[in-house]
Amino acid sequence: MKTTLLILTILTLAIPLTGCDNPQRTTDALRKEITSFQAAPTEEKKISIDANFAKLENQIDALEKQGKEEEASNMNSQRLNLLGDYQAAKMAKALNDAKNAVQGIGEAVKDGANSIGALFKKSGTGTATETETEN
């Protein structure tokens, strides 16, 4: 009984400590995630980055409420820089996706033209007729 009570007490004291995450750790994690997103953008990475930005904003708000204006301002500056990097990475992904889409359309048009050309050759309409060669 005493052991159970001791474990519950330790857990009760440990839970609030896990909620007090350091904003610098969050910015470091964001920096790594954004670098990873730039190399290989995925929806999962995007979701994680968005969640960490929300977490950082809450941490900055908490710093302001604690009266730590200078630290909050520093963290907000880092957040804005990271946000700029993230927006640039998302823009690069969007441009790459658009480029791939245009290339895909070009390939589809080319394949369609080749198919139509092949049909004309098979049907005999791709060659000059006798009347055209007589003129």
C-alpha atoms as a PDB file:
ATOM      1  CA  MET A   1       0.000   0.000   0.000  1.00  0.00           C
ATOM      2  CA  LYS A   2       2.804   2.417   0.884  1.00  0.00           C
ATOM      3  CA  THR A   3       4.609   1.546  -2.357  1.00  0.00           C
ATOM      4  CA  THR A   4       1.522   2.297  -4.438  1.00  0.00           C
ATOM      5  CA  LEU A   5       1.012   5.580  -2.650  1.00  0.00           C
ATOM      6  CA  LEU A   6       4.660   6.502  -3.183  1.00  0.00           C
ATOM      7  CA  ILE A   7       4.433   5.727  -6.918  1.00  0.00           C
ATOM      8  CA  LEU A   8       1.252   7.766  -7.275  1.00  0.00           C
ATOM      9  CA  THR A   9       2.873  10.688  -5.468  1.00  0.00           C
ATOM     10  CA  ILE A  10       5.932  10.572  -7.717  1.00  0.00           C
ATOM     11  CA  LEU A  11       3.782  10.396 -10.839  1.00  0.00           C
ATOM     12  CA  THR A  12       1.636  13.275  -9.633  1.00  0.00           C
ATOM     13  CA  LEU A  13       4.730  15.421  -9.130  1.00  0.00           C
ATOM     14  CA  ALA A  14       6.328  14.344 -12.414  1.00  0.00           C
ATOM     15  CA  ILE A  15       3.350  15.103 -14.672  1.00  0.00           C
ATOM     16  CA  PRO A  16       3.479  18.902 -14.280  1.00  0.00           C
ATOM     17  CA  LEU A  17       7.216  18.874 -14.962  1.00  0.00           C
ATOM     18  CA  THR A  18       6.734  17.177 -18.331  1.00  0.00           C
ATOM     19  CA  GLY A  19       4.295  19.902 -19.369  1.00  0.00           C
ATOM     20  CA  CYS A  20       6.882  22.651 -18.806  1.00  0.00           C
ATOM     21  CA  ASP A  21       8.772  22.145 -22.028  1.00  0.00           C
ATOM     22  CA  ASN A  22      11.501  24.598 -22.863  1.00  0.00           C
ATOM     23  CA  PRO A  23      10.679  26.887 -25.835  1.00  0.00           C
ATOM     24  CA  GLN A  24      14.308  26.658 -26.993  1.00  0.00           C
ATOM     25  CA  ARG A  25      13.902  22.881 -27.350  1.00  0.00           C
ATOM     26  CA  THR A  26      10.793  23.488 -29.417  1.00  0.00           C
ATOM     27  CA  THR A  27      12.625  25.924 -31.714  1.00  0.00           C
ATOM     28  CA  ASP A  28      15.506  23.445 -32.064  1.00  0.00           C
ATOM     29  CA  ALA A  29      13.026  20.690 -32.951  1.00  0.00           C
ATOM     30  CA  LEU A  30      11.325  22.993 -35.458  1.00  0.00           C
ATOM     31  CA  ARG A  31      14.652  23.847 -37.070  1.00  0.00           C
ATOM     32  CA  LYS A  32      15.418  20.134 -37.552  1.00  0.00           C
ATOM     33  CA  GLU A  33      11.924  19.375 -38.817  1.00  0.00           C
ATOM     34  CA  ILE A  34      11.995  22.224 -41.330  1.00  0.00           C
ATOM     35  CA  THR A  35      15.382  21.083 -42.635  1.00  0.00           C
ATOM     36  CA  SER A  36      13.982  17.579 -43.008  1.00  0.00           C
ATOM     37  CA  PHE A  37      10.855  18.951 -44.708  1.00  0.00           C
ATOM     38  CA  GLN A  38      13.008  20.888 -47.180  1.00  0.00           C
ATOM     39  CA  ALA A  39      14.858  17.701 -48.125  1.00  0.00           C
ATOM     40  CA  ALA A  40      11.784  15.480 -48.369  1.00  0.00           C
ATOM     41  CA  PRO A  41       8.427  17.213 -47.830  1.00  0.00           C
ATOM     42  CA  THR A  42       5.658  14.965 -46.552  1.00  0.00           C
ATOM     43  CA  GLU A  43       2.232  15.607 -45.086  1.00  0.00           C
ATOM     44  CA  GLU A  44       3.281  13.981 -41.792  1.00  0.00           C
ATOM     45  CA  LYS A  45       6.212  16.374 -41.422  1.00  0.00           C
ATOM     46  CA  LYS A  46       3.933  19.308 -42.241  1.00  0.00           C
ATOM     47  CA  ILE A  47       1.477  18.260 -39.521  1.00  0.00           C
ATOM     48  CA  SER A  48       4.283  17.879 -36.982  1.00  0.00           C
ATOM     49  CA  ILE A  49       5.766  21.281 -37.861  1.00  0.00           C
ATOM     50  CA  ASP A  50       2.368  22.972 -37.601  1.00  0.00           C
ATOM     51  CA  ALA A  51       1.818  21.360 -34.184  1.00  0.00           C
ATOM     52  CA  ASN A  52       5.220  22.530 -32.960  1.00  0.00           C
ATOM     53  CA  PHE A  53       4.522  26.085 -34.149  1.00  0.00           C
ATOM     54  CA  ALA A  54       1.288  26.057 -32.146  1.00  0.00           C
ATOM     55  CA  LYS A  55       3.174  24.697 -29.138  1.00  0.00           C
ATOM     56  CA  LEU A  56       5.843  27.409 -29.469  1.00  0.00           C
ATOM     57  CA  GLU A  57       3.189  30.133 -29.651  1.00  0.00           C
ATOM     58  CA  ASN A  58       1.662  28.814 -26.415  1.00  0.00           C
ATOM     59  CA  GLN A  59       5.101  28.747 -24.779  1.00  0.00           C
ATOM     60  CA  ILE A  60       5.746  32.332 -25.861  1.00  0.00           C
ATOM     61  CA  ASP A  61       2.373  33.375 -24.443  1.00  0.00           C
ATOM     62  CA  ALA A  62       3.281  31.652 -21.164  1.00  0.00           C
ATOM     63  CA  LEU A  63       6.594  33.532 -21.028  1.00  0.00           C
ATOM     64  CA  GLU A  64       4.770  36.835 -21.534  1.00  0.00           C
ATOM     65  CA  LYS A  65       2.307  35.990 -18.750  1.00  0.00           C
ATOM     66  CA  GLN A  66       5.262  35.227 -16.471  1.00  0.00           C
ATOM     67  CA  GLY A  67       6.669  38.676 -17.209  1.00  0.00           C
ATOM     68  CA  LYS A  68       9.659  37.347 -19.166  1.00  0.00           C
ATOM     69  CA  GLU A  69       9.232  39.854 -21.975  1.00  0.00           C
ATOM     70  CA  GLU A  70      12.828  39.742 -23.244  1.00  0.00           C
ATOM     71  CA  GLU A  71      12.881  35.948 -23.474  1.00  0.00           C
ATOM     72  CA  ALA A  72       9.427  35.963 -25.097  1.00  0.00           C
ATOM     73  CA  SER A  73      10.594  38.543 -27.639  1.00  0.00           C
ATOM     74  CA  ASN A  74      13.700  36.476 -28.439  1.00  0.00           C
ATOM     75  CA  MET A  75      11.611  33.312 -28.878  1.00  0.00           C
ATOM     76  CA  ASN A  76       9.122  35.192 -31.051  1.00  0.00           C
ATOM     77  CA  SER A  77      11.963  36.427 -33.288  1.00  0.00           C
ATOM     78  CA  GLN A  78      13.186  32.861 -33.669  1.00  0.00           C
ATOM     79  CA  ARG A  79       9.619  31.750 -34.387  1.00  0.00           C
ATOM     80  CA  LEU A  80       9.254  34.348 -37.138  1.00  0.00           C
ATOM     81  CA  ASN A  81      12.576  33.340 -38.726  1.00  0.00           C
ATOM     82  CA  LEU A  82      11.581  29.674 -38.628  1.00  0.00           C
ATOM     83  CA  LEU A  83       8.166  30.528 -40.016  1.00  0.00           C
ATOM     84  CA  GLY A  84       9.855  32.284 -42.952  1.00  0.00           C
ATOM     85  CA  ASP A  85      12.038  29.238 -43.603  1.00  0.00           C
ATOM     86  CA  TYR A  86       8.995  26.985 -43.412  1.00  0.00           C
ATOM     87  CA  GLN A  87       6.967  29.146 -45.803  1.00  0.00           C
ATOM     88  CA  ALA A  88       9.887  29.118 -48.261  1.00  0.00           C
ATOM     89  CA  ALA A  89      10.091  25.321 -48.021  1.00  0.00           C
ATOM     90  CA  LYS A  90       6.339  25.006 -48.630  1.00  0.00           C
ATOM     91  CA  MET A  91       6.612  27.344 -51.631  1.00  0.00           C
ATOM     92  CA  ALA A  92       9.481  25.290 -53.076  1.00  0.00           C
ATOM     93  CA  LYS A  93       7.374  22.146 -52.644  1.00  0.00           C
ATOM     94  CA  ALA A  94       4.402  23.783 -54.363  1.00  0.00           C
ATOM     95  CA  LEU A  95       6.578  24.937 -57.274  1.00  0.00           C
ATOM     96  CA  ASN A  96       8.072  21.469 -57.614  1.00  0.00           C
ATOM     97  CA  ASP A  97       4.603  19.891 -57.547  1.00  0.00           C
ATOM     98  CA  ALA A  98       3.426  22.327 -60.251  1.00  0.00           C
ATOM     99  CA  LYS A  99       6.498  21.593 -62.367  1.00  0.00           C
ATOM    100  CA  ASN A 100       5.853  17.866 -62.075  1.00  0.00           C
ATOM    101  CA  ALA A 101       2.197  18.365 -62.978  1.00  0.00           C
ATOM    102  CA  VAL A 102       3.090  20.385 -66.092  1.00  0.00           C
ATOM    103  CA  GLN A 103       5.626  17.756 -67.117  1.00  0.00           C
ATOM    104  CA  GLY A 104       2.975  15.084 -66.593  1.00  0.00           C
ATOM    105  CA  ILE A 105       0.523  16.985 -68.805  1.00  0.00           C
ATOM    106  CA  GLY A 106       3.206  17.404 -71.468  1.00  0.00           C
ATOM    107  CA  GLU A 107       3.939  13.682 -71.415  1.00  0.00           C
ATOM    108  CA  ALA A 108       0.225  12.894 -71.646  1.00  0.00           C
ATOM    109  CA  VAL A 109      -0.189  15.207 -74.666  1.00  0.00           C
ATOM    110  CA  LYS A 110       2.869  13.687 -76.313  1.00  0.00           C
ATOM    111  CA  ASP A 111       1.605  10.141 -75.688  1.00  0.00           C
ATOM    112  CA  GLY A 112      -1.828  11.126 -77.029  1.00  0.00           C
ATOM    113  CA  ALA A 113      -0.319  12.615 -80.183  1.00  0.00           C
ATOM    114  CA  ASN A 114       1.778   9.486 -80.719  1.00  0.00           C
ATOM    115  CA  SER A 115      -1.294   7.288 -80.295  1.00  0.00           C
ATOM    116  CA  ILE A 116      -3.298   9.341 -82.795  1.00  0.00           C
ATOM    117  CA  GLY A 117      -0.381   9.219 -85.247  1.00  0.00           C
ATOM    118  CA  ALA A 118      -0.197   5.460 -84.856  1.00  0.00           C
ATOM    119  CA  LEU A 119      -3.935   5.157 -85.553  1.00  0.00           C
ATOM    120  CA  PHE A 120      -3.615   7.181 -88.747  1.00  0.00           C
ATOM    121  CA  LYS A 121      -0.725   5.041 -89.936  1.00  0.00           C
ATOM    122  CA  LYS A 122      -2.657   1.832 -89.307  1.00  0.00           C
ATOM    123  CA  SER A 123      -5.786   3.097 -91.085  1.00  0.00           C
ATOM    124  CA  GLY A 124      -3.860   4.278 -94.109  1.00  0.00           C
ATOM    125  CA  THR A 125      -4.903   7.902 -93.765  1.00  0.00           C
ATOM    126  CA  GLY A 126      -1.389   8.877 -92.849  1.00  0.00           C
ATOM    127  CA  THR A 127      -0.164   8.423 -96.459  1.00  0.00           C
ATOM    128  CA  ALA A 128      -0.869  10.422 -99.588  1.00  0.00           C
ATOM    129  CA  THR A 129      -3.764   9.211-101.723  1.00  0.00           C
ATOM    130  CA  GLU A 130      -3.474   8.395-105.459  1.00  0.00           C
ATOM    131  CA  THR A 131      -5.226  11.613-106.463  1.00  0.00           C
ATOM    132  CA  GLU A 132      -2.875  13.718-104.378  1.00  0.00           C
ATOM    133  CA  THR A 133       0.188  12.133-105.990  1.00  0.00           C
ATOM    134  CA  GLU A 134      -1.199  12.628-109.539  1.00  0.00           C
ATOM    135  CA  ASN A 135      -1.527  16.374-109.037  1.00  0.00           C
END
